[in-house]
PDB file of all heavy atoms in Angstrom:
ATOM      1  N   PRO A   1       0.794  -1.238   0.000  1.00  0.00           N
ATOM      2  CA  PRO A   1       0.000   0.000   0.000  1.00  0.00           C
ATOM      3  C   PRO A   1       0.819   1.277   0.000  1.00  0.00           C
ATOM      4  O   PRO A   1       0.327   2.324  -0.417  1.00  0.00           O
ATOM      5  CB  PRO A   1      -0.843  -0.112   1.280  1.00  0.00           C
ATOM      6  CG  PRO A   1      -0.152  -1.122   2.128  1.00  0.00           C
ATOM      7  CD  PRO A   1       0.482  -2.075   1.175  1.00  0.00           C
ATOM      8  N   CYS A   2       2.084   1.217   0.451  1.00  0.00           N
ATOM      9  CA  CYS A   2       2.886   2.433   0.519  1.00  0.00           C
ATOM     10  C   CYS A   2       3.177   3.019  -0.861  1.00  0.00           C
ATOM     11  O   CYS A   2       3.442   4.215  -0.984  1.00  0.00           O
ATOM     12  CB  CYS A   2       4.183   2.175   1.265  1.00  0.00           C
ATOM     13  SG  CYS A   2       5.047   0.686   0.780  1.00  0.00           S
ATOM     14  N   ASN A   3       3.127   2.191  -1.892  1.00  0.00           N
ATOM     15  CA  ASN A   3       3.495   2.656  -3.234  1.00  0.00           C
ATOM     16  C   ASN A   3       2.299   2.880  -4.158  1.00  0.00           C
ATOM     17  O   ASN A   3       2.443   3.493  -5.215  1.00  0.00           O
ATOM     18  CB  ASN A   3       4.406   1.613  -3.904  1.00  0.00           C
ATOM     19  CG  ASN A   3       5.533   1.174  -3.007  1.00  0.00           C
ATOM     20  OD1 ASN A   3       6.274   2.005  -2.502  1.00  0.00           O
ATOM     21  ND2 ASN A   3       5.667  -0.130  -2.790  1.00  0.00           N
ATOM     22  N   ILE A   4       1.144   2.392  -3.788  1.00  0.00           N
ATOM     23  CA  ILE A   4       0.046   2.252  -4.728  1.00  0.00           C
ATOM     24  C   ILE A   4      -0.540   3.590  -5.173  1.00  0.00           C
ATOM     25  O   ILE A   4      -1.134   3.699  -6.252  1.00  0.00           O
ATOM     26  CB  ILE A   4      -1.057   1.335  -4.136  1.00  0.00           C
ATOM     27  CG1 ILE A   4      -1.899   0.695  -5.230  1.00  0.00           C
ATOM     28  CG2 ILE A   4      -1.886   2.051  -3.102  1.00  0.00           C
ATOM     29  CD1 ILE A   4      -1.182  -0.365  -6.018  1.00  0.00           C
ATOM     30  N   ALA A   5      -0.371   4.644  -4.362  1.00  0.00           N
ATOM     31  CA  ALA A   5      -0.934   5.949  -4.710  1.00  0.00           C
ATOM     32  C   ALA A   5       0.050   6.848  -5.448  1.00  0.00           C
ATOM     33  O   ALA A   5      -0.309   7.961  -5.852  1.00  0.00           O
ATOM     34  CB  ALA A   5      -1.426   6.664  -3.445  1.00  0.00           C
ATOM     35  N   LEU A   6       1.277   6.390  -5.649  1.00  0.00           N
ATOM     36  CA  LEU A   6       2.301   7.263  -6.220  1.00  0.00           C
ATOM     37  C   LEU A   6       2.009   7.627  -7.673  1.00  0.00           C
ATOM     38  O   LEU A   6       2.308   8.749  -8.111  1.00  0.00           O
ATOM     39  CB  LEU A   6       3.677   6.607  -6.117  1.00  0.00           C
ATOM     40  CG  LEU A   6       4.199   6.362  -4.696  1.00  0.00           C
ATOM     41  CD1 LEU A   6       5.531   5.631  -4.744  1.00  0.00           C
ATOM     42  CD2 LEU A   6       4.329   7.674  -3.932  1.00  0.00           C
ATOM     43  N   ASN A   7       1.442   6.701  -8.417  1.00  0.00           N
ATOM     44  CA  ASN A   7       1.140   6.988  -9.825  1.00  0.00           C
ATOM     45  C   ASN A   7       0.141   8.130  -9.950  1.00  0.00           C
ATOM     46  O   ASN A   7       0.312   9.033 -10.769  1.00  0.00           O
ATOM     47  CB  ASN A   7       0.631   5.723 -10.514  1.00  0.00           C
ATOM     48  CG  ASN A   7       0.244   5.954 -11.953  1.00  0.00           C
ATOM     49  OD1 ASN A   7      -0.920   6.144 -12.272  1.00  0.00           O
ATOM     50  ND2 ASN A   7       1.231   5.942 -12.835  1.00  0.00           N
ATOM     51  N   ARG A   8      -0.907   8.087  -9.116  1.00  0.00           N
ATOM     52  CA  ARG A   8      -1.901   9.169  -9.140  1.00  0.00           C
ATOM     53  C   ARG A   8      -1.265  10.503  -8.781  1.00  0.00           C
ATOM     54  O   ARG A   8      -1.497  11.528  -9.427  1.00  0.00           O
ATOM     55  CB  ARG A   8      -3.024   8.857  -8.143  1.00  0.00           C
ATOM     56  CG  ARG A   8      -4.185   9.853  -8.166  1.00  0.00           C
ATOM     57  CD  ARG A   8      -4.967   9.889  -6.868  1.00  0.00           C
ATOM     58  NE  ARG A   8      -4.387  10.791  -5.890  1.00  0.00           N
ATOM     59  CZ  ARG A   8      -4.287  10.530  -4.597  1.00  0.00           C
ATOM     60  NH1 ARG A   8      -4.672   9.366  -4.120  1.00  0.00           N
ATOM     61  NH2 ARG A   8      -3.761  11.432  -3.778  1.00  0.00           N
ATOM     62  N   GLN A   9      -0.432  10.493  -7.751  1.00  0.00           N
ATOM     63  CA  GLN A   9       0.176  11.741  -7.303  1.00  0.00           C
ATOM     64  C   GLN A   9       1.166  12.288  -8.332  1.00  0.00           C
ATOM     65  O   GLN A   9       1.342  13.509  -8.451  1.00  0.00           O
ATOM     66  CB  GLN A   9       0.852  11.519  -5.952  1.00  0.00           C
ATOM     67  CG  GLN A   9      -0.144  11.179  -4.844  1.00  0.00           C
ATOM     68  CD  GLN A   9       0.521  10.955  -3.506  1.00  0.00           C
ATOM     69  OE1 GLN A   9       1.552  11.547  -3.195  1.00  0.00           O
ATOM     70  NE2 GLN A   9      -0.059  10.090  -2.694  1.00  0.00           N
ATOM     71  N   ALA A  10       1.798  11.395  -9.083  1.00  0.00           N
ATOM     72  CA  ALA A  10       2.731  11.843 -10.119  1.00  0.00           C
ATOM     73  C   ALA A  10       2.036  12.682 -11.178  1.00  0.00           C
ATOM     74  O   ALA A  10       2.643  13.605 -11.754  1.00  0.00           O
ATOM     75  CB  ALA A  10       3.417  10.646 -10.762  1.00  0.00           C
ATOM     76  N   GLN A  11       0.770  12.378 -11.444  1.00  0.00           N
ATOM     77  CA  GLN A  11       0.045  13.142 -12.472  1.00  0.00           C
ATOM     78  C   GLN A  11      -0.132  14.602 -12.045  1.00  0.00           C
ATOM     79  O   GLN A  11      -0.068  15.512 -12.878  1.00  0.00           O
ATOM     80  CB  GLN A  11      -1.322  12.493 -12.767  1.00  0.00           C
ATOM     81  CG  GLN A  11      -1.256  11.003 -13.091  1.00  0.00           C
ATOM     82  CD  GLN A  11      -0.102  10.624 -14.002  1.00  0.00           C
ATOM     83  OE1 GLN A  11       0.067  11.180 -15.088  1.00  0.00           O
ATOM     84  NE2 GLN A  11       0.700   9.649 -13.563  1.00  0.00           N
ATOM     85  N   SER A  12      -0.331  14.818 -10.745  1.00  0.00           N
ATOM     86  CA  SER A  12      -0.462  16.206 -10.272  1.00  0.00           C
ATOM     87  C   SER A  12       0.883  16.926 -10.338  1.00  0.00           C
ATOM     88  O   SER A  12       0.935  18.123 -10.646  1.00  0.00           O
ATOM     89  CB  SER A  12      -1.026  16.236  -8.842  1.00  0.00           C
ATOM     90  OG  SER A  12      -0.166  15.600  -7.929  1.00  0.00           O
ATOM     91  N   VAL A  13       1.971  16.207 -10.081  1.00  0.00           N
ATOM     92  CA  VAL A  13       3.300  16.811 -10.232  1.00  0.00           C
ATOM     93  C   VAL A  13       3.512  17.254 -11.674  1.00  0.00           C
ATOM     94  O   VAL A  13       3.999  18.364 -11.942  1.00  0.00           O
ATOM     95  CB  VAL A  13       4.404  15.818  -9.809  1.00  0.00           C
ATOM     96  CG1 VAL A  13       5.787  16.373 -10.163  1.00  0.00           C
ATOM     97  CG2 VAL A  13       4.327  15.522  -8.314  1.00  0.00           C
ATOM     98  N   LYS A  14       3.146  16.398 -12.611  1.00  0.00           N
ATOM     99  CA  LYS A  14       3.320  16.713 -14.032  1.00  0.00           C
ATOM    100  C   LYS A  14       2.505  17.941 -14.425  1.00  0.00           C
ATOM    101  O   LYS A  14       2.965  18.782 -15.218  1.00  0.00           O
ATOM    102  CB  LYS A  14       2.935  15.502 -14.880  1.00  0.00           C
ATOM    103  CG  LYS A  14       3.948  14.359 -14.754  1.00  0.00           C
ATOM    104  CD  LYS A  14       3.368  13.007 -15.133  1.00  0.00           C
ATOM    105  CE  LYS A  14       3.112  12.883 -16.610  1.00  0.00           C
ATOM    106  NZ  LYS A  14       2.623  11.510 -16.937  1.00  0.00           N
ATOM    107  N   MET A  15       1.314  18.077 -13.846  1.00  0.00           N
ATOM    108  CA  MET A  15       0.505  19.274 -14.111  1.00  0.00           C
ATOM    109  C   MET A  15       1.237  20.525 -13.647  1.00  0.00           C
ATOM    110  O   MET A  15       1.237  21.549 -14.335  1.00  0.00           O
ATOM    111  CB  MET A  15      -0.837  19.154 -13.401  1.00  0.00           C
ATOM    112  CG  MET A  15      -1.801  18.148 -14.020  1.00  0.00           C
ATOM    113  SD  MET A  15      -3.299  17.938 -13.016  1.00  0.00           S
ATOM    114  CE  MET A  15      -3.899  19.623 -12.944  1.00  0.00           C
ATOM    115  N   GLY A  16       1.877  20.439 -12.467  1.00  0.00           N
ATOM    116  CA  GLY A  16       2.616  21.586 -11.952  1.00  0.00           C
ATOM    117  C   GLY A  16       3.790  21.957 -12.826  1.00  0.00           C
ATOM    118  O   GLY A  16       4.046  23.146 -13.080  1.00  0.00           O
ATOM    119  N   VAL A  17       4.514  20.939 -13.313  1.00  0.00           N
ATOM    120  CA  VAL A  17       5.649  21.200 -14.209  1.00  0.00           C
ATOM    121  C   VAL A  17       5.162  21.885 -15.484  1.00  0.00           C
ATOM    122  O   VAL A  17       5.759  22.864 -15.957  1.00  0.00           O
ATOM    123  CB  VAL A  17       6.394  19.885 -14.539  1.00  0.00           C
ATOM    124  CG1 VAL A  17       7.435  20.115 -15.627  1.00  0.00           C
ATOM    125  CG2 VAL A  17       7.039  19.307 -13.281  1.00  0.00           C
ATOM    126  N   LYS A  18       4.066  21.369 -16.056  1.00  0.00           N
ATOM    127  CA  LYS A  18       3.530  21.946 -17.299  1.00  0.00           C
ATOM    128  C   LYS A  18       3.058  23.375 -17.086  1.00  0.00           C
ATOM    129  O   LYS A  18       3.291  24.250 -17.934  1.00  0.00           O
ATOM    130  CB  LYS A  18       2.376  21.079 -17.817  1.00  0.00           C
ATOM    131  CG  LYS A  18       2.822  19.735 -18.377  1.00  0.00           C
ATOM    132  CD  LYS A  18       1.616  18.952 -18.890  1.00  0.00           C
ATOM    133  CE  LYS A  18       2.034  17.626 -19.491  1.00  0.00           C
ATOM    134  NZ  LYS A  18       0.876  16.841 -19.997  1.00  0.00           N
ATOM    135  N   THR A  19       2.395  23.615 -15.955  1.00  0.00           N
ATOM    136  CA  THR A  19       1.906  24.960 -15.650  1.00  0.00           C
ATOM    137  C   THR A  19       3.052  25.971 -15.636  1.00  0.00           C
ATOM    138  O   THR A  19       2.891  27.130 -16.048  1.00  0.00           O
ATOM    139  CB  THR A  19       1.200  24.973 -14.282  1.00  0.00           C
ATOM    140  OG1 THR A  19       0.075  24.094 -14.341  1.00  0.00           O
ATOM    141  CG2 THR A  19       0.728  26.371 -13.907  1.00  0.00           C
ATOM    142  N   ALA A  20       4.210  25.519 -15.187  1.00  0.00           N
ATOM    143  CA  ALA A  20       5.379  26.404 -15.088  1.00  0.00           C
ATOM    144  C   ALA A  20       6.286  26.323 -16.311  1.00  0.00           C
ATOM    145  O   ALA A  20       7.455  26.703 -16.251  1.00  0.00           O
ATOM    146  CB  ALA A  20       6.158  26.062 -13.827  1.00  0.00           C
ATOM    147  N   ASN A  21       5.742  25.800 -17.422  1.00  0.00           N
ATOM    148  CA  ASN A  21       6.446  25.776 -18.712  1.00  0.00           C
ATOM    149  C   ASN A  21       7.648  24.825 -18.742  1.00  0.00           C
ATOM    150  O   ASN A  21       8.689  25.125 -19.333  1.00  0.00           O
ATOM    151  CB  ASN A  21       6.883  27.188 -19.128  1.00  0.00           C
ATOM    152  CG  ASN A  21       5.695  28.102 -19.354  1.00  0.00           C
ATOM    153  OD1 ASN A  21       4.659  27.671 -19.854  1.00  0.00           O
ATOM    154  ND2 ASN A  21       5.829  29.364 -18.958  1.00  0.00           N
ATOM    155  N   GLY A  22       7.465  23.670 -18.114  1.00  0.00           N
ATOM    156  CA  GLY A  22       8.426  22.589 -18.243  1.00  0.00           C
ATOM    157  C   GLY A  22       7.770  21.398 -18.914  1.00  0.00           C
ATOM    158  O   GLY A  22       6.547  21.351 -19.092  1.00  0.00           O
ATOM    159  N   THR A  23       8.573  20.431 -19.308  1.00  0.00           N
ATOM    160  CA  THR A  23       8.060  19.222 -19.954  1.00  0.00           C
ATOM    161  C   THR A  23       8.379  18.020 -19.065  1.00  0.00           C
ATOM    162  O   THR A  23       9.535  17.603 -18.970  1.00  0.00           O
ATOM    163  CB  THR A  23       8.703  19.035 -21.335  1.00  0.00           C
ATOM    164  OG1 THR A  23       8.414  20.187 -22.137  1.00  0.00           O
ATOM    165  CG2 THR A  23       8.165  17.784 -22.018  1.00  0.00           C
ATOM    166  N   PRO A  24       7.363  17.483 -18.376  1.00  0.00           N
ATOM    167  CA  PRO A  24       7.608  16.367 -17.461  1.00  0.00           C
ATOM    168  C   PRO A  24       7.761  15.044 -18.204  1.00  0.00           C
ATOM    169  O   PRO A  24       7.061  14.789 -19.181  1.00  0.00           O
ATOM    170  CB  PRO A  24       6.353  16.361 -16.590  1.00  0.00           C
ATOM    171  CG  PRO A  24       5.280  16.900 -17.481  1.00  0.00           C
ATOM    172  CD  PRO A  24       5.949  17.909 -18.375  1.00  0.00           C
ATOM    173  N   ARG A  25       8.668  14.211 -17.733  1.00  0.00           N
ATOM    174  CA  ARG A  25       8.851  12.867 -18.281  1.00  0.00           C
ATOM    175  C   ARG A  25       8.826  11.879 -17.121  1.00  0.00           C
ATOM    176  O   ARG A  25       9.740  11.821 -16.308  1.00  0.00           O
ATOM    177  CB  ARG A  25      10.168  12.743 -19.065  1.00  0.00           C
ATOM    178  CG  ARG A  25      10.395  13.777 -20.152  1.00  0.00           C
ATOM    179  CD  ARG A  25       9.233  14.001 -21.071  1.00  0.00           C
ATOM    180  NE  ARG A  25       8.818  12.823 -21.816  1.00  0.00           N
ATOM    181  CZ  ARG A  25       7.566  12.608 -22.201  1.00  0.00           C
ATOM    182  NH1 ARG A  25       6.597  13.463 -21.868  1.00  0.00           N
ATOM    183  NH2 ARG A  25       7.274  11.533 -22.891  1.00  0.00           N
ATOM    184  N   GLU A  26       7.747  11.137 -17.029  1.00  0.00           N
ATOM    185  CA  GLU A  26       7.554  10.224 -15.910  1.00  0.00           C
ATOM    186  C   GLU A  26       8.312   8.919 -16.127  1.00  0.00           C
ATOM    187  O   GLU A  26       8.314   8.357 -17.221  1.00  0.00           O
ATOM    188  CB  GLU A  26       6.059   9.931 -15.742  1.00  0.00           C
ATOM    189  CG  GLU A  26       5.707   9.064 -14.548  1.00  0.00           C
ATOM    190  CD  GLU A  26       4.209   8.821 -14.413  1.00  0.00           C
ATOM    191  OE1 GLU A  26       3.432   9.391 -15.212  1.00  0.00           O
ATOM    192  OE2 GLU A  26       3.823   8.057 -13.514  1.00  0.00           O
ATOM    193  N   PHE A  27       8.944   8.435 -15.064  1.00  0.00           N
ATOM    194  CA  PHE A  27       9.539   7.094 -15.097  1.00  0.00           C
ATOM    195  C   PHE A  27       9.462   6.479 -13.705  1.00  0.00           C
ATOM    196  O   PHE A  27       9.222   7.167 -12.717  1.00  0.00           O
ATOM    197  CB  PHE A  27      10.983   7.132 -15.615  1.00  0.00           C
ATOM    198  CG  PHE A  27      11.978   7.869 -14.757  1.00  0.00           C
ATOM    199  CD1 PHE A  27      12.738   7.205 -13.804  1.00  0.00           C
ATOM    200  CD2 PHE A  27      12.195   9.236 -14.930  1.00  0.00           C
ATOM    201  CE1 PHE A  27      13.676   7.873 -13.038  1.00  0.00           C
ATOM    202  CE2 PHE A  27      13.136   9.918 -14.165  1.00  0.00           C
ATOM    203  CZ  PHE A  27      13.883   9.232 -13.211  1.00  0.00           C
ATOM    204  N   THR A  28       9.614   5.172 -13.663  1.00  0.00           N
ATOM    205  CA  THR A  28       9.504   4.467 -12.387  1.00  0.00           C
ATOM    206  C   THR A  28      10.792   3.696 -12.097  1.00  0.00           C
ATOM    207  O   THR A  28      11.585   3.406 -12.985  1.00  0.00           O
ATOM    208  CB  THR A  28       8.335   3.466 -12.394  1.00  0.00           C
ATOM    209  OG1 THR A  28       8.563   2.506 -13.423  1.00  0.00           O
ATOM    210  CG2 THR A  28       7.017   4.164 -12.637  1.00  0.00           C
ATOM    211  N   THR A  29      10.957   3.366 -10.819  1.00  0.00           N
ATOM    212  CA  THR A  29      12.035   2.477 -10.415  1.00  0.00           C
ATOM    213  C   THR A  29      11.468   1.482  -9.415  1.00  0.00           C
ATOM    214  O   THR A  29      10.264   1.444  -9.174  1.00  0.00           O
ATOM    215  CB  THR A  29      13.223   3.265  -9.834  1.00  0.00           C
ATOM    216  OG1 THR A  29      14.296   2.360  -9.554  1.00  0.00           O
ATOM    217  CG2 THR A  29      12.850   4.000  -8.559  1.00  0.00           C
ATOM    218  N   ILE A  30      12.325   0.662  -8.849  1.00  0.00           N
ATOM    219  CA  ILE A  30      11.869  -0.428  -8.004  1.00  0.00           C
ATOM    220  C   ILE A  30      11.551   0.026  -6.590  1.00  0.00           C
ATOM    221  O   ILE A  30      11.918   1.125  -6.174  1.00  0.00           O
ATOM    222  CB  ILE A  30      12.914  -1.554  -7.938  1.00  0.00           C
ATOM    223  CG1 ILE A  30      14.153  -1.073  -7.148  1.00  0.00           C
ATOM    224  CG2 ILE A  30      13.300  -2.039  -9.326  1.00  0.00           C
ATOM    225  CD1 ILE A  30      14.951  -2.180  -6.536  1.00  0.00           C
ATOM    226  N   THR A  31      10.888  -0.831  -5.848  1.00  0.00           N
ATOM    227  CA  THR A  31      10.801  -0.724  -4.394  1.00  0.00           C
ATOM    228  C   THR A  31      10.760  -2.132  -3.820  1.00  0.00           C
ATOM    229  O   THR A  31      10.091  -2.994  -4.373  1.00  0.00           O
ATOM    230  CB  THR A  31       9.515  -0.007  -3.933  1.00  0.00           C
ATOM    231  OG1 THR A  31       9.433   1.261  -4.557  1.00  0.00           O
ATOM    232  CG2 THR A  31       9.516   0.199  -2.438  1.00  0.00           C
ATOM    233  N   VAL A  32      11.471  -2.340  -2.735  1.00  0.00           N
ATOM    234  CA  VAL A  32      11.267  -3.523  -1.913  1.00  0.00           C
ATOM    235  C   VAL A  32      10.622  -3.036  -0.624  1.00  0.00           C
ATOM    236  O   VAL A  32      11.176  -2.192   0.074  1.00  0.00           O
ATOM    237  CB  VAL A  32      12.589  -4.247  -1.604  1.00  0.00           C
ATOM    238  CG1 VAL A  32      12.366  -5.374  -0.604  1.00  0.00           C
ATOM    239  CG2 VAL A  32      13.202  -4.792  -2.889  1.00  0.00           C
ATOM    240  N   THR A  33       9.450  -3.531  -0.329  1.00  0.00           N
ATOM    241  CA  THR A  33       8.675  -3.038   0.800  1.00  0.00           C
ATOM    242  C   THR A  33       8.939  -3.897   2.031  1.00  0.00           C
ATOM    243  O   THR A  33       8.669  -5.101   2.038  1.00  0.00           O
ATOM    244  CB  THR A  33       7.177  -3.048   0.457  1.00  0.00           C
ATOM    245  OG1 THR A  33       6.965  -2.187  -0.655  1.00  0.00           O
ATOM    246  CG2 THR A  33       6.351  -2.561   1.631  1.00  0.00           C
ATOM    247  N   ASP A  34       9.443  -3.272   3.089  1.00  0.00           N
ATOM    248  CA  ASP A  34       9.887  -4.016   4.262  1.00  0.00           C
ATOM    249  C   ASP A  34       8.767  -4.825   4.908  1.00  0.00           C
ATOM    250  O   ASP A  34       9.004  -5.930   5.414  1.00  0.00           O
ATOM    251  CB  ASP A  34      10.470  -3.046   5.288  1.00  0.00           C
ATOM    252  CG  ASP A  34      11.825  -2.507   4.858  1.00  0.00           C
ATOM    253  OD1 ASP A  34      12.157  -2.643   3.666  1.00  0.00           O
ATOM    254  OD2 ASP A  34      12.536  -1.944   5.695  1.00  0.00           O
TER     255      ASP A  34
END
């Protein structure tokens, strides 16, 4: 559950980058959950 909401939140980050005239490029990496 610690990672499952990150994709949704990334979309809002991308909106902020675009609003400020940047070009967001989303990518993912691994997680091992303790």
